[in-house]
C-alpha atoms as a PDB file:
ATOM      1  CA  UNK A   1       0.000   0.000   0.000  1.00  0.00           C
ATOM      2  CA  UNK A   2       1.775   3.098  -1.294  1.00  0.00           C
ATOM      3  CA  UNK A   3      -1.122   5.214  -2.518  1.00  0.00           C
ATOM      4  CA  UNK A   4      -1.008   7.934   0.128  1.00  0.00           C
ATOM      5  CA  UNK A   5      -0.422  11.593  -0.637  1.00  0.00           C
ATOM      6  CA  UNK A   6       1.690  12.209   2.489  1.00  0.00           C
ATOM      7  CA  UNK A   7      -0.454  15.056   3.792  1.00  0.00           C
ATOM      8  CA  UNK A   8       1.099  15.043   7.284  1.00  0.00           C
ATOM      9  CA  UNK A   9       4.607  14.513   5.915  1.00  0.00           C
ATOM     10  CA  UNK A  10       4.210  17.299   3.341  1.00  0.00           C
ATOM     11  CA  UNK A  11       4.762  15.121   0.258  1.00  0.00           C
ATOM     12  CA  UNK A  12       4.513  11.424  -0.690  1.00  0.00           C
ATOM     13  CA  UNK A  13       6.918   9.946   1.863  1.00  0.00           C
ATOM     14  CA  UNK A  14       7.004   6.550   0.144  1.00  0.00           C
ATOM     15  CA  UNK A  15       9.200   8.070  -2.583  1.00  0.00           C
ATOM     16  CA  UNK A  16      11.667   9.769  -0.237  1.00  0.00           C
ATOM     17  CA  UNK A  17      15.253   8.499  -0.097  1.00  0.00           C
ATOM     18  CA  UNK A  18      16.066   6.053   2.673  1.00  0.00           C
ATOM     19  CA  UNK A  19      19.595   4.709   2.687  1.00  0.00           C
ATOM     20  CA  UNK A  20      20.539   3.808  -0.866  1.00  0.00           C
ATOM     21  CA  UNK A  21      16.960   3.473  -2.195  1.00  0.00           C
ATOM     22  CA  UNK A  22      13.447   4.843  -1.831  1.00  0.00           C
ATOM     23  CA  UNK A  23      11.258   4.211   1.230  1.00  0.00           C
ATOM     24  CA  UNK A  24       8.935   2.058  -0.878  1.00  0.00           C
ATOM     25  CA  UNK A  25      11.746  -0.177  -2.135  1.00  0.00           C
ATOM     26  CA  UNK A  26      12.539  -1.556   1.322  1.00  0.00           C
ATOM     27  CA  UNK A  27       9.025  -2.962   1.685  1.00  0.00           C
ATOM     28  CA  UNK A  28       8.953  -4.236  -1.884  1.00  0.00           C
ATOM     29  CA  UNK A  29      12.205  -6.135  -1.364  1.00  0.00           C
ATOM     30  CA  UNK A  30      10.878  -7.889   1.759  1.00  0.00           C
ATOM     31  CA  UNK A  31       7.567  -8.637   0.031  1.00  0.00           C
ATOM     32  CA  UNK A  32       9.472 -10.169  -2.892  1.00  0.00           C
ATOM     33  CA  UNK A  33      11.228 -12.561  -0.492  1.00  0.00           C
ATOM     34  CA  UNK A  34       7.955 -13.624   1.158  1.00  0.00           C
ATOM     35  CA  UNK A  35       5.311 -13.472  -1.569  1.00  0.00           C
ATOM     36  CA  UNK A  36       4.577 -15.197  -4.851  1.00  0.00           C
ATOM     37  CA  UNK A  37       2.997 -12.077  -6.331  1.00  0.00           C
ATOM     38  CA  UNK A  38       3.097  -8.383  -5.466  1.00  0.00           C
ATOM     39  CA  UNK A  39       0.342  -5.885  -6.197  1.00  0.00           C
ATOM     40  CA  UNK A  40       1.608  -2.352  -5.608  1.00  0.00           C
ATOM     41  CA  UNK A  41      -0.999   0.365  -4.996  1.00  0.00           C
ATOM     42  CA  UNK A  42       0.266   3.854  -5.827  1.00  0.00           C
ATOM     43  CA  UNK A  43      -1.094   7.375  -6.446  1.00  0.00           C
ATOM     44  CA  UNK A  44      -2.826   7.534  -9.830  1.00  0.00           C
ATOM     45  CA  UNK A  45      -0.110   9.796 -11.278  1.00  0.00           C
ATOM     46  CA  UNK A  46       2.516   7.081 -10.556  1.00  0.00           C
ATOM     47  CA  UNK A  47       0.803   4.117 -12.237  1.00  0.00           C
ATOM     48  CA  UNK A  48       3.061   4.358 -15.297  1.00  0.00           C
ATOM     49  CA  UNK A  49       6.299   4.454 -13.296  1.00  0.00           C
ATOM     50  CA  UNK A  50       8.691   1.541 -13.679  1.00  0.00           C
ATOM     51  CA  UNK A  51       8.421  -0.677 -10.585  1.00  0.00           C
ATOM     52  CA  UNK A  52      10.464  -3.818 -11.343  1.00  0.00           C
ATOM     53  CA  UNK A  53       9.849  -5.398  -7.925  1.00  0.00           C
ATOM     54  CA  UNK A  54       6.060  -5.363  -8.381  1.00  0.00           C
ATOM     55  CA  UNK A  55       4.073  -7.743 -10.573  1.00  0.00           C
ATOM     56  CA  UNK A  56       1.101  -5.384 -10.928  1.00  0.00           C
ATOM     57  CA  UNK A  57       0.814  -1.654 -10.250  1.00  0.00           C
ATOM     58  CA  UNK A  58      -2.629  -0.113  -9.704  1.00  0.00           C
ATOM     59  CA  UNK A  59      -3.967   3.296  -8.723  1.00  0.00           C
ATOM     60  CA  UNK A  60      -5.190   3.788  -5.184  1.00  0.00           C
ATOM     61  CA  UNK A  61      -8.526   5.292  -4.211  1.00  0.00           C
ATOM     62  CA  UNK A  62      -9.765   8.175  -2.099  1.00  0.00           C
ATOM     63  CA  UNK A  63      -9.325   6.290   1.188  1.00  0.00           C
ATOM     64  CA  UNK A  64      -7.037   3.563   2.459  1.00  0.00           C
ATOM     65  CA  UNK A  65      -9.851   1.018   2.213  1.00  0.00           C
ATOM     66  CA  UNK A  66     -10.587   2.087  -1.371  1.00  0.00           C
ATOM     67  CA  UNK A  67      -6.915   1.539  -2.157  1.00  0.00           C
ATOM     68  CA  UNK A  68      -6.929  -1.934  -0.592  1.00  0.00           C
ATOM     69  CA  UNK A  69      -9.978  -2.800  -2.707  1.00  0.00           C
ATOM     70  CA  UNK A  70      -8.120  -1.640  -5.820  1.00  0.00           C
ATOM     71  CA  UNK A  71      -5.269  -3.944  -4.888  1.00  0.00           C
ATOM     72  CA  UNK A  72      -7.629  -6.835  -4.170  1.00  0.00           C
ATOM     73  CA  UNK A  73      -9.218  -6.444  -7.598  1.00  0.00           C
ATOM     74  CA  UNK A  74      -5.787  -7.006  -9.164  1.00  0.00           C
ATOM     75  CA  UNK A  75      -4.948 -10.117  -7.142  1.00  0.00           C
ATOM     76  CA  UNK A  76      -4.688 -13.480  -8.876  1.00  0.00           C
ATOM     77  CA  UNK A  77      -7.975 -15.384  -8.468  1.00  0.00           C
ATOM     78  CA  UNK A  78      -6.154 -18.344  -6.940  1.00  0.00           C
ATOM     79  CA  UNK A  79      -4.458 -16.340  -4.164  1.00  0.00           C
ATOM     80  CA  UNK A  80      -4.612 -18.255  -0.886  1.00  0.00           C
ATOM     81  CA  UNK A  81      -3.279 -15.639   1.515  1.00  0.00           C
ATOM     82  CA  UNK A  82      -2.972 -11.875   1.239  1.00  0.00           C
ATOM     83  CA  UNK A  83      -0.592  -9.691   3.216  1.00  0.00           C
ATOM     84  CA  UNK A  84      -1.430  -5.993   3.298  1.00  0.00           C
ATOM     85  CA  UNK A  85       1.565  -3.847   4.156  1.00  0.00           C
ATOM     86  CA  UNK A  86       1.957  -0.079   4.387  1.00  0.00           C
ATOM     87  CA  UNK A  87       4.946   1.280   2.481  1.00  0.00           C
ATOM     88  CA  UNK A  88       5.303   3.817   5.307  1.00  0.00           C
ATOM     89  CA  UNK A  89       6.725   0.929   7.422  1.00  0.00           C
ATOM     90  CA  UNK A  90       9.964   0.336   5.508  1.00  0.00           C
ATOM     91  CA  UNK A  91      12.316  -1.214   8.087  1.00  0.00           C
ATOM     92  CA  UNK A  92      13.034  -4.675   6.611  1.00  0.00           C
ATOM     93  CA  UNK A  93      11.931  -6.993   9.422  1.00  0.00           C
ATOM     94  CA  UNK A  94      11.502 -10.269   7.558  1.00  0.00           C
ATOM     95  CA  UNK A  95      10.784 -12.150  10.781  1.00  0.00           C
ATOM     96  CA  UNK A  96       7.582 -10.137  11.369  1.00  0.00           C
ATOM     97  CA  UNK A  97       6.350 -11.068   7.892  1.00  0.00           C
ATOM     98  CA  UNK A  98       7.284 -14.693   8.554  1.00  0.00           C
ATOM     99  CA  UNK A  99       5.312 -14.772  11.817  1.00  0.00           C
ATOM    100  CA  UNK A 100       2.215 -13.493  10.019  1.00  0.00           C
ATOM    101  CA  UNK A 101       2.569 -16.101   7.263  1.00  0.00           C
ATOM    102  CA  UNK A 102       3.207 -18.889   9.778  1.00  0.00           C
ATOM    103  CA  UNK A 103       0.000 -18.042  11.658  1.00  0.00           C
ATOM    104  CA  UNK A 104      -1.974 -18.185   8.402  1.00  0.00           C
ATOM    105  CA  UNK A 105      -0.430 -21.527   7.516  1.00  0.00           C
ATOM    106  CA  UNK A 106      -1.414 -22.802  10.965  1.00  0.00           C
ATOM    107  CA  UNK A 107      -5.066 -21.983  10.256  1.00  0.00           C
ATOM    108  CA  UNK A 108      -5.605 -18.364  11.271  1.00  0.00           C
ATOM    109  CA  UNK A 109      -7.927 -16.418   8.962  1.00  0.00           C
ATOM    110  CA  UNK A 110      -6.812 -12.919   9.968  1.00  0.00           C
ATOM    111  CA  UNK A 111      -3.456 -12.049  11.559  1.00  0.00           C
ATOM    112  CA  UNK A 112      -2.124  -8.795  12.957  1.00  0.00           C
ATOM    113  CA  UNK A 113       1.370  -8.066  14.319  1.00  0.00           C
ATOM    114  CA  UNK A 114       1.256  -6.012  17.505  1.00  0.00           C
ATOM    115  CA  UNK A 115       3.558  -4.492  20.106  1.00  0.00           C
ATOM    116  CA  UNK A 116       2.788  -3.545  23.726  1.00  0.00           C
ATOM    117  CA  UNK A 117       1.832   0.038  24.483  1.00  0.00           C
ATOM    118  CA  UNK A 118       4.519   1.509  26.738  1.00  0.00           C
ATOM    119  CA  UNK A 119       3.262   5.072  27.217  1.00  0.00           C
ATOM    120  CA  UNK A 120       0.724   5.943  29.889  1.00  0.00           C
ATOM    121  CA  UNK A 121      -2.526   6.668  28.084  1.00  0.00           C
ATOM    122  CA  UNK A 122      -5.086   9.208  29.227  1.00  0.00           C
ATOM    123  CA  UNK A 123      -8.604   9.952  28.018  1.00  0.00           C
ATOM    124  CA  UNK A 124      -9.208  13.575  27.017  1.00  0.00           C
ATOM    125  CA  UNK A 125     -12.065  13.989  29.475  1.00  0.00           C
ATOM    126  CA  UNK A 126     -10.041  12.566  32.348  1.00  0.00           C
ATOM    127  CA  UNK A 127      -8.718   9.297  33.655  1.00  0.00           C
ATOM    128  CA  UNK A 128      -5.920   7.004  32.575  1.00  0.00           C
ATOM    129  CA  UNK A 129      -6.429   3.868  30.530  1.00  0.00           C
ATOM    130  CA  UNK A 130      -5.157   0.426  31.531  1.00  0.00           C
ATOM    131  CA  UNK A 131      -2.419   0.026  28.951  1.00  0.00           C
ATOM    132  CA  UNK A 132      -1.993  -3.682  29.710  1.00  0.00           C
ATOM    133  CA  UNK A 133      -5.241  -4.244  27.783  1.00  0.00           C
ATOM    134  CA  UNK A 134      -3.950  -2.420  24.701  1.00  0.00           C
ATOM    135  CA  UNK A 135      -1.496  -3.117  21.895  1.00  0.00           C
ATOM    136  CA  UNK A 136      -0.303  -1.045  18.961  1.00  0.00           C
ATOM    137  CA  UNK A 137      -1.131  -2.535  15.566  1.00  0.00           C
ATOM    138  CA  UNK A 138       1.415  -2.871  12.763  1.00  0.00           C
ATOM    139  CA  UNK A 139       1.577  -4.238   9.229  1.00  0.00           C
ATOM    140  CA  UNK A 140       1.803  -6.508   7.347  1.00  0.00           C
ATOM    141  CA  UNK A 141      -1.626  -7.772   8.263  1.00  0.00           C
ATOM    142  CA  UNK A 142      -2.371 -11.206   6.817  1.00  0.00           C
ATOM    143  CA  UNK A 143      -5.638 -12.765   5.715  1.00  0.00           C
ATOM    144  CA  UNK A 144      -7.094 -15.773   4.025  1.00  0.00           C
ATOM    145  CA  UNK A 145      -7.892 -14.258   0.626  1.00  0.00           C
ATOM    146  CA  UNK A 146     -11.605 -15.066   0.857  1.00  0.00           C
ATOM    147  CA  UNK A 147     -11.829 -13.350   4.251  1.00  0.00           C
ATOM    148  CA  UNK A 148     -10.228 -10.142   3.010  1.00  0.00           C
ATOM    149  CA  UNK A 149     -12.403 -10.104  -0.106  1.00  0.00           C
ATOM    150  CA  UNK A 150     -15.535 -10.611   2.001  1.00  0.00           C
ATOM    151  CA  UNK A 151     -14.422  -7.947   4.493  1.00  0.00           C
ATOM    152  CA  UNK A 152     -14.149  -5.400   1.694  1.00  0.00           C
ATOM    153  CA  UNK A 153     -17.202  -6.513  -0.272  1.00  0.00           C
ATOM    154  CA  UNK A 154     -19.487  -4.128   1.614  1.00  0.00           C
ATOM    155  CA  UNK A 155     -17.374  -1.093   0.743  1.00  0.00           C
ATOM    156  CA  UNK A 156     -16.709  -0.167   4.374  1.00  0.00           C
ATOM    157  CA  UNK A 157     -13.901   2.097   5.521  1.00  0.00           C
ATOM    158  CA  UNK A 158     -11.469   1.539   8.394  1.00  0.00           C
ATOM    159  CA  UNK A 159      -7.949   2.497   9.397  1.00  0.00           C
ATOM    160  CA  UNK A 160      -6.905  -1.137   9.133  1.00  0.00           C
ATOM    161  CA  UNK A 161      -8.199  -4.248   7.416  1.00  0.00           C
ATOM    162  CA  UNK A 162      -8.476  -6.318  10.583  1.00  0.00           C
ATOM    163  CA  UNK A 163     -11.335  -4.092  11.765  1.00  0.00           C
ATOM    164  CA  UNK A 164     -13.268  -4.879   8.583  1.00  0.00           C
ATOM    165  CA  UNK A 165     -12.501  -8.583   8.973  1.00  0.00           C
ATOM    166  CA  UNK A 166     -13.788  -8.515  12.561  1.00  0.00           C
ATOM    167  CA  UNK A 167     -16.944  -6.775  11.379  1.00  0.00           C
ATOM    168  CA  UNK A 168     -17.830  -9.851   9.302  1.00  0.00           C
ATOM    169  CA  UNK A 169     -17.086 -12.212  12.179  1.00  0.00           C
ATOM    170  CA  UNK A 170     -13.478 -13.208  11.493  1.00  0.00           C
ATOM    171  CA  UNK A 171     -11.330 -13.925  14.537  1.00  0.00           C
ATOM    172  CA  UNK A 172      -8.167 -11.828  14.493  1.00  0.00           C
ATOM    173  CA  UNK A 173      -5.050 -13.612  15.739  1.00  0.00           C
ATOM    174  CA  UNK A 174      -2.273 -11.470  17.217  1.00  0.00           C
ATOM    175  CA  UNK A 175       1.413 -12.212  16.656  1.00  0.00           C
ATOM    176  CA  UNK A 176       4.493 -10.388  17.886  1.00  0.00           C
ATOM    177  CA  UNK A 177       5.392  -7.311  15.913  1.00  0.00           C
ATOM    178  CA  UNK A 178       8.620  -5.390  16.436  1.00  0.00           C
ATOM    179  CA  UNK A 179       9.187  -1.958  17.964  1.00  0.00           C
ATOM    180  CA  UNK A 180      11.548  -1.211  15.076  1.00  0.00           C
ATOM    181  CA  UNK A 181       8.646  -1.602  12.642  1.00  0.00           C
ATOM    182  CA  UNK A 182       7.990   2.133  12.786  1.00  0.00           C
ATOM    183  CA  UNK A 183       5.582   4.076  10.632  1.00  0.00           C
ATOM    184  CA  UNK A 184       6.997   7.152   8.930  1.00  0.00           C
ATOM    185  CA  UNK A 185       4.700  10.081   9.625  1.00  0.00           C
ATOM    186  CA  UNK A 186       7.089  13.034   9.802  1.00  0.00           C
ATOM    187  CA  UNK A 187      10.732  13.925   9.122  1.00  0.00           C
ATOM    188  CA  UNK A 188      11.926  12.677  12.522  1.00  0.00           C
ATOM    189  CA  UNK A 189      10.509   9.227  11.739  1.00  0.00           C
ATOM    190  CA  UNK A 190      12.418   9.197   8.459  1.00  0.00           C
ATOM    191  CA  UNK A 191      15.626  10.018  10.335  1.00  0.00           C
ATOM    192  CA  UNK A 192      14.990   7.141  12.759  1.00  0.00           C
ATOM    193  CA  UNK A 193      14.245   4.790   9.849  1.00  0.00           C
ATOM    194  CA  UNK A 194      17.562   5.837   8.298  1.00  0.00           C
ATOM    195  CA  UNK A 195      19.324   4.724  11.490  1.00  0.00           C
ATOM    196  CA  UNK A 196      17.364   1.456  11.653  1.00  0.00           C
ATOM    197  CA  UNK A 197      17.993   0.380   8.063  1.00  0.00           C
ATOM    198  CA  UNK A 198      21.715   0.927   8.581  1.00  0.00           C
END
């Protein structure tokens, strides 16, 4: 998933330089090691760009969920599992991807990598939240292909695909993520990613 406009970052962060390549290339290289086929979802203006690590390049939609649906429409019909990964998480942590795939192969229908919440959390109108009940969600999120297709069939919108899968009754299995699997939101995140990929 690389269809974002980078509103908070100020420009499409997935095309920024990170080490000796673009942010997007780090995720594509890990996906190539794990996957049989890669569908890359990009801004419409980038559909014609050469992307040798992707098998198919499609234009994203107005929302993240619209973009996932565009990617799903380009998937091979015989896909068994689908991993949805945000290009804004470029640190190449192959073991996180492998844990997601392993859970699918063991029978899970929807899998999400997570990490514990370490900050104290407070509600705006007062009171702290028990952080031991919470986890932070990462990508790649993995699904049985039929589950992800069904989750998106109704055209719903969510910040992650697991929420849509839960809405149709799928049980979401949690696996260990990695605190280094950061999401680039602003320039300081890009600087940290630069350190991590080194």
